[in-house]
C-alpha cells in the first residue's frame, strides 16, 4: 500500500450522499474478491468497446481487476485529441490528484483527466476541462451514467483518502489482442497510436507480476516522455 499521507480533497453534500449510497455495496463486492475499499486503484479506458475498467491493489501487492463500467458516451472518433474544439476525447497516459475531483460538477460528479499532459504539450495539442463525469453527455469527455460515476468517484476518493498520491489512467483507442495487432491500422498516423497499441497488448497478455510492475510505474512514478515518445 501507499505510505504517503492521505490526500486532502474537495467534498460536497452531493458527493458525500453519493459515496454513502454506494460504499456499503462496493465494500461487499470488494471483500468478495479479497480487496479492500480504499486500496490504490488503476483505471483503463477503452474507446472501443466503450469500457472503463477499475483495478485495485490487493494485500499481496497484486493488482486485481475489480469491475467494468460501460461508457455511456464519448465524443469524436477513434484517435487522440489534437486541439481545443475538435470534440475528441483524449487517448494516452494521464494522472489526477485530489485537486482534480469536482464534487460540484454540472454533470453530477466528475474528475479531471489531466489533459494536456507532457506528451500532448510536446506535440502542441490543446484542450481543457476534459473529464470523466456523469449525466451521459459528452463534448470531449468520457460520460458515464450517474449510477456508474458514483461508484468510480467513490473508489477514487477512498484511494486518495487512504494515501494514494494520484490516480493513474490509460486511455486506449482499441482493446486489442496480439493476433489482431498486425491487422489494425494506425489512426491519424501518429507514433502515439502505436505506443498505445503496444501497451494495450502488453496489459492484456503478460503475466500478473509484469502487469503489477507496469501499473505501479503508471500510478507511482508516472510515465515520462523521451523526445516526442512515451518512455
Protein backbone atom coordinates (compact mmCIF):
# COMPACT_ATOMS: atom_id res chain seq x y z
CA UNK A 1 0.00 0.00 0.00
CA UNK A 2 0.99 3.62 -0.28
CA UNK A 3 2.85 5.15 2.65
CA UNK A 4 2.26 8.80 1.82
CA UNK A 5 -0.11 10.91 3.87
CA UNK A 6 -3.78 10.94 2.95
CA UNK A 7 -4.60 13.48 0.29
CA UNK A 8 -6.90 16.35 1.11
CA UNK A 9 -9.71 16.62 -1.38
CA UNK A 10 -12.81 18.69 -2.02
CA UNK A 11 -16.21 17.46 -0.97
CA UNK A 12 -19.85 18.49 -1.21
CA UNK A 13 -23.19 17.34 0.12
CA UNK A 14 -23.80 15.72 -3.27
CA UNK A 15 -20.58 13.73 -3.28
CA UNK A 16 -20.98 12.69 0.35
CA UNK A 17 -24.50 11.45 -0.35
CA UNK A 18 -23.39 9.58 -3.47
CA UNK A 19 -20.48 7.92 -1.67
CA UNK A 20 -22.63 6.93 1.31
CA UNK A 21 -25.13 5.32 -1.07
CA UNK A 22 -22.63 3.12 -2.90
CA UNK A 23 -19.91 2.47 -0.30
CA UNK A 24 -21.63 -0.43 1.53
CA UNK A 25 -22.26 -2.37 -1.72
CA UNK A 26 -18.76 -1.64 -3.00
CA UNK A 27 -17.20 -2.85 0.24
CA UNK A 28 -19.13 -6.12 0.00
CA UNK A 29 -18.21 -6.64 -3.68
CA UNK A 30 -14.55 -5.85 -2.98
CA UNK A 31 -14.45 -8.17 0.01
CA UNK A 32 -15.80 -10.99 -2.15
CA UNK A 33 -12.72 -10.54 -4.35
CA UNK A 34 -10.29 -10.24 -1.46
CA UNK A 35 -9.94 -6.48 -1.93
CA UNK A 36 -10.35 -3.51 0.40
CA UNK A 37 -12.23 -0.26 -0.01
CA UNK A 38 -9.62 2.49 -0.08
CA UNK A 39 -6.91 0.39 -1.74
CA UNK A 40 -4.91 2.01 -4.57
CA UNK A 41 -6.76 1.94 -7.89
CA UNK A 42 -5.76 1.98 -11.54
CA UNK A 43 -8.13 2.73 -14.42
CA UNK A 44 -8.06 1.72 -18.09
CA UNK A 45 -10.45 3.29 -20.59
CA UNK A 46 -11.17 1.70 -23.97
CA UNK A 47 -12.99 3.77 -26.58
CA UNK A 48 -13.78 0.55 -28.40
CA UNK A 49 -15.67 -1.35 -26.99
CA UNK A 50 -16.55 1.59 -24.69
CA UNK A 51 -15.46 0.23 -21.33
CA UNK A 52 -13.88 1.75 -18.23
CA UNK A 53 -12.02 -0.85 -16.15
CA UNK A 54 -11.18 -0.44 -12.46
CA UNK A 55 -8.29 -2.41 -10.90
CA UNK A 56 -7.37 -2.42 -7.21
CA UNK A 57 -4.24 -3.46 -5.37
CA UNK A 58 -4.62 -6.49 -3.10
CA UNK A 59 -2.81 -7.14 0.19
CA UNK A 60 -0.03 -9.07 -1.56
CA UNK A 61 0.63 -6.18 -3.95
CA UNK A 62 -1.07 -7.74 -6.96
CA UNK A 63 -3.50 -5.61 -8.94
CA UNK A 64 -6.85 -7.35 -9.39
CA UNK A 65 -9.46 -6.46 -11.98
CA UNK A 66 -12.48 -5.38 -9.96
CA UNK A 67 -15.16 -4.17 -12.33
CA UNK A 68 -16.06 -2.93 -15.81
CA UNK A 69 -18.26 0.12 -16.35
CA UNK A 70 -19.86 0.77 -19.70
CA UNK A 71 -19.10 4.26 -21.02
CA UNK A 72 -22.41 5.97 -21.73
CA UNK A 73 -20.89 8.14 -24.48
CA UNK A 74 -17.72 9.88 -25.58
CA UNK A 75 -17.43 12.48 -28.32
CA UNK A 76 -15.48 12.33 -31.55
CA UNK A 77 -13.96 9.31 -33.25
CA UNK A 78 -11.20 6.82 -32.53
CA UNK A 79 -7.93 8.74 -32.32
CA UNK A 80 -6.33 11.27 -29.94
CA UNK A 81 -7.45 14.76 -29.07
CA UNK A 82 -5.37 17.26 -31.08
CA UNK A 83 -6.76 20.72 -30.42
CA UNK A 84 -9.29 22.73 -28.45
CA UNK A 85 -12.73 22.44 -30.01
CA UNK A 86 -12.18 19.25 -32.03
CA UNK A 87 -14.64 17.43 -29.72
CA UNK A 88 -12.25 14.49 -29.42
CA UNK A 89 -11.83 12.54 -26.19
CA UNK A 90 -8.15 12.09 -25.26
CA UNK A 91 -6.02 8.96 -25.52
CA UNK A 92 -2.85 8.46 -23.50
CA UNK A 93 -1.39 8.23 -20.00
CA UNK A 94 -2.99 10.61 -17.52
CA UNK A 95 -3.00 11.32 -13.80
CA UNK A 96 -5.29 13.12 -11.40
CA UNK A 97 -4.72 14.04 -7.77
CA UNK A 98 -7.32 15.18 -5.26
CA UNK A 99 -7.42 18.67 -6.75
CA UNK A 100 -8.86 17.17 -9.94
CA UNK A 101 -12.02 15.93 -8.22
CA UNK A 102 -15.11 18.07 -8.78
CA UNK A 103 -17.95 17.26 -6.37
CA UNK A 104 -19.87 20.34 -7.59
CA UNK A 105 -19.87 19.34 -11.27
CA UNK A 106 -22.65 20.41 -13.61
CA UNK A 107 -22.58 16.76 -14.72
CA UNK A 108 -23.31 15.24 -11.31
CA UNK A 109 -19.75 14.27 -10.23
CA UNK A 110 -16.52 14.47 -12.20
CA UNK A 111 -12.75 14.33 -12.14
CA UNK A 112 -10.30 15.98 -14.50
CA UNK A 113 -8.24 13.69 -16.74
CA UNK A 114 -5.16 15.91 -16.75
CA UNK A 115 -5.20 16.75 -20.45
CA UNK A 116 -2.94 18.04 -21.91
CA UNK A 117 -0.11 16.02 -20.37
CA UNK A 118 3.60 16.48 -21.13
CA UNK A 119 3.33 14.35 -24.28
CA UNK A 120 0.36 16.36 -25.54
CA UNK A 121 2.10 19.67 -24.90
CA UNK A 122 5.23 18.48 -26.68
CA UNK A 123 3.05 17.76 -29.73
CA UNK A 124 1.31 21.14 -29.43
CA UNK A 125 -2.03 19.60 -28.53
CA UNK A 126 -4.51 21.88 -26.83
CA UNK A 127 -7.66 21.43 -24.80
CA UNK A 128 -9.05 21.93 -21.33
CA UNK A 129 -11.60 20.64 -18.83
CA UNK A 130 -11.52 17.06 -20.15
CA UNK A 131 -13.35 14.93 -17.60
CA UNK A 132 -14.87 11.64 -16.65
CA UNK A 133 -18.30 12.64 -15.40
CA UNK A 134 -21.95 11.67 -15.07
CA UNK A 135 -25.11 12.83 -16.84
CA UNK A 136 -24.39 10.81 -20.02
CA UNK A 137 -23.49 13.87 -22.17
CA UNK A 138 -20.07 14.46 -23.75
CA UNK A 139 -18.18 17.22 -25.55
CA UNK A 140 -14.68 15.77 -25.45
CA UNK A 141 -15.20 13.93 -22.17
CA UNK A 142 -15.96 10.36 -21.14
CA UNK A 143 -19.53 10.41 -19.84
CA UNK A 144 -20.94 7.75 -17.54
CA UNK A 145 -24.36 7.22 -16.05
CA UNK A 146 -24.76 8.87 -12.65
CA UNK A 147 -25.01 5.40 -11.09
CA UNK A 148 -21.62 4.41 -12.51
CA UNK A 149 -19.83 7.68 -11.77
CA UNK A 150 -20.99 7.41 -8.15
CA UNK A 151 -19.07 4.14 -7.80
CA UNK A 152 -15.99 5.24 -9.75
CA UNK A 153 -15.81 8.54 -7.87
CA UNK A 154 -16.23 6.77 -4.51
CA UNK A 155 -13.42 4.31 -5.28
CA UNK A 156 -11.11 7.11 -6.39
CA UNK A 157 -11.90 9.33 -3.40
CA UNK A 158 -11.40 6.42 -0.99
CA UNK A 159 -8.00 5.61 -2.51
CA UNK A 160 -6.88 9.24 -2.27
CA UNK A 161 -8.10 9.46 1.33
CA UNK A 162 -6.09 6.36 2.14
CA UNK A 163 -2.90 7.92 0.80
CA UNK A 164 -2.71 7.22 -2.94
CA UNK A 165 -0.95 10.31 -4.30
CA UNK A 166 -2.71 10.34 -7.65
CA UNK A 167 -4.97 8.13 -9.75
CA UNK A 168 -3.43 6.64 -12.88
CA UNK A 169 -5.36 6.27 -16.14
CA UNK A 170 -4.57 4.83 -19.54
CA UNK A 171 -6.98 5.81 -22.32
CA UNK A 172 -6.85 3.36 -25.21
CA UNK A 173 -8.24 3.55 -28.70
CA UNK A 174 -8.99 -0.16 -29.02
CA UNK A 175 -8.97 -3.26 -26.87
CA UNK A 176 -6.58 -5.46 -28.84
CA UNK A 177 -5.28 -8.98 -28.71
CA UNK A 178 -1.91 -9.96 -30.15
CA UNK A 179 -3.37 -11.86 -33.12
CA UNK A 180 -5.15 -8.70 -34.28
CA UNK A 181 -2.18 -6.35 -33.88
CA UNK A 182 -0.85 -6.57 -37.44
CA UNK A 183 -4.28 -6.05 -38.93
CA UNK A 184 -5.06 -2.80 -37.10
CA UNK A 185 -4.15 0.36 -38.99
CA UNK A 186 -2.84 3.41 -37.19
CA UNK A 187 -5.33 6.20 -36.70
CA UNK A 188 -4.12 9.70 -37.63
CA UNK A 189 -0.65 8.31 -38.49
CA UNK A 190 0.87 9.02 -35.09
CA UNK A 191 3.59 7.17 -33.23
CA UNK A 192 1.40 7.80 -30.21
CA UNK A 193 -1.18 5.37 -31.58
CA UNK A 194 1.40 2.63 -31.95
CA UNK A 195 2.63 3.24 -28.42
CA UNK A 196 -0.84 2.75 -27.00
CA UNK A 197 -1.44 -0.35 -29.10
CA UNK A 198 1.74 -1.94 -27.80
CA UNK A 199 0.81 -1.12 -24.22
CA UNK A 200 -2.69 -2.48 -24.71
CA UNK A 201 -1.25 -5.75 -25.93
CA UNK A 202 1.18 -5.83 -23.02
CA UNK A 203 -1.54 -5.40 -20.43
CA UNK A 204 -3.84 -7.99 -21.95
CA UNK A 205 -1.29 -10.77 -22.48
CA UNK A 206 1.53 -10.64 -19.91
CA UNK A 207 1.61 -12.34 -16.52
CA UNK A 208 0.39 -10.62 -13.38
CA UNK A 209 3.81 -9.77 -11.92
CA UNK A 210 4.73 -7.92 -15.11
CA UNK A 211 1.39 -6.12 -15.12
CA UNK A 212 1.94 -5.19 -11.49
CA UNK A 213 5.31 -3.61 -12.32
CA UNK A 214 3.84 -1.61 -15.21
CA UNK A 215 0.81 -0.41 -13.24
CA UNK A 216 2.98 0.67 -10.32
CA UNK A 217 5.15 2.66 -12.72
CA UNK A 218 2.00 4.31 -14.06
CA UNK A 219 0.48 5.27 -10.73
CA UNK A 220 3.59 5.89 -8.62
CA UNK A 221 6.31 7.38 -10.78
CA UNK A 222 4.26 8.48 -13.81
CA UNK A 223 5.26 7.73 -17.38
CA UNK A 224 7.57 10.32 -18.92
CA UNK A 225 8.48 11.11 -22.49
CA UNK A 226 11.80 10.91 -24.30
CA UNK A 227 11.95 13.31 -27.22
CA UNK A 228 8.40 13.03 -28.52
CA UNK A 229 7.74 9.43 -27.46
CA UNK A 230 6.50 7.87 -24.26
CA UNK A 231 9.16 6.02 -22.26
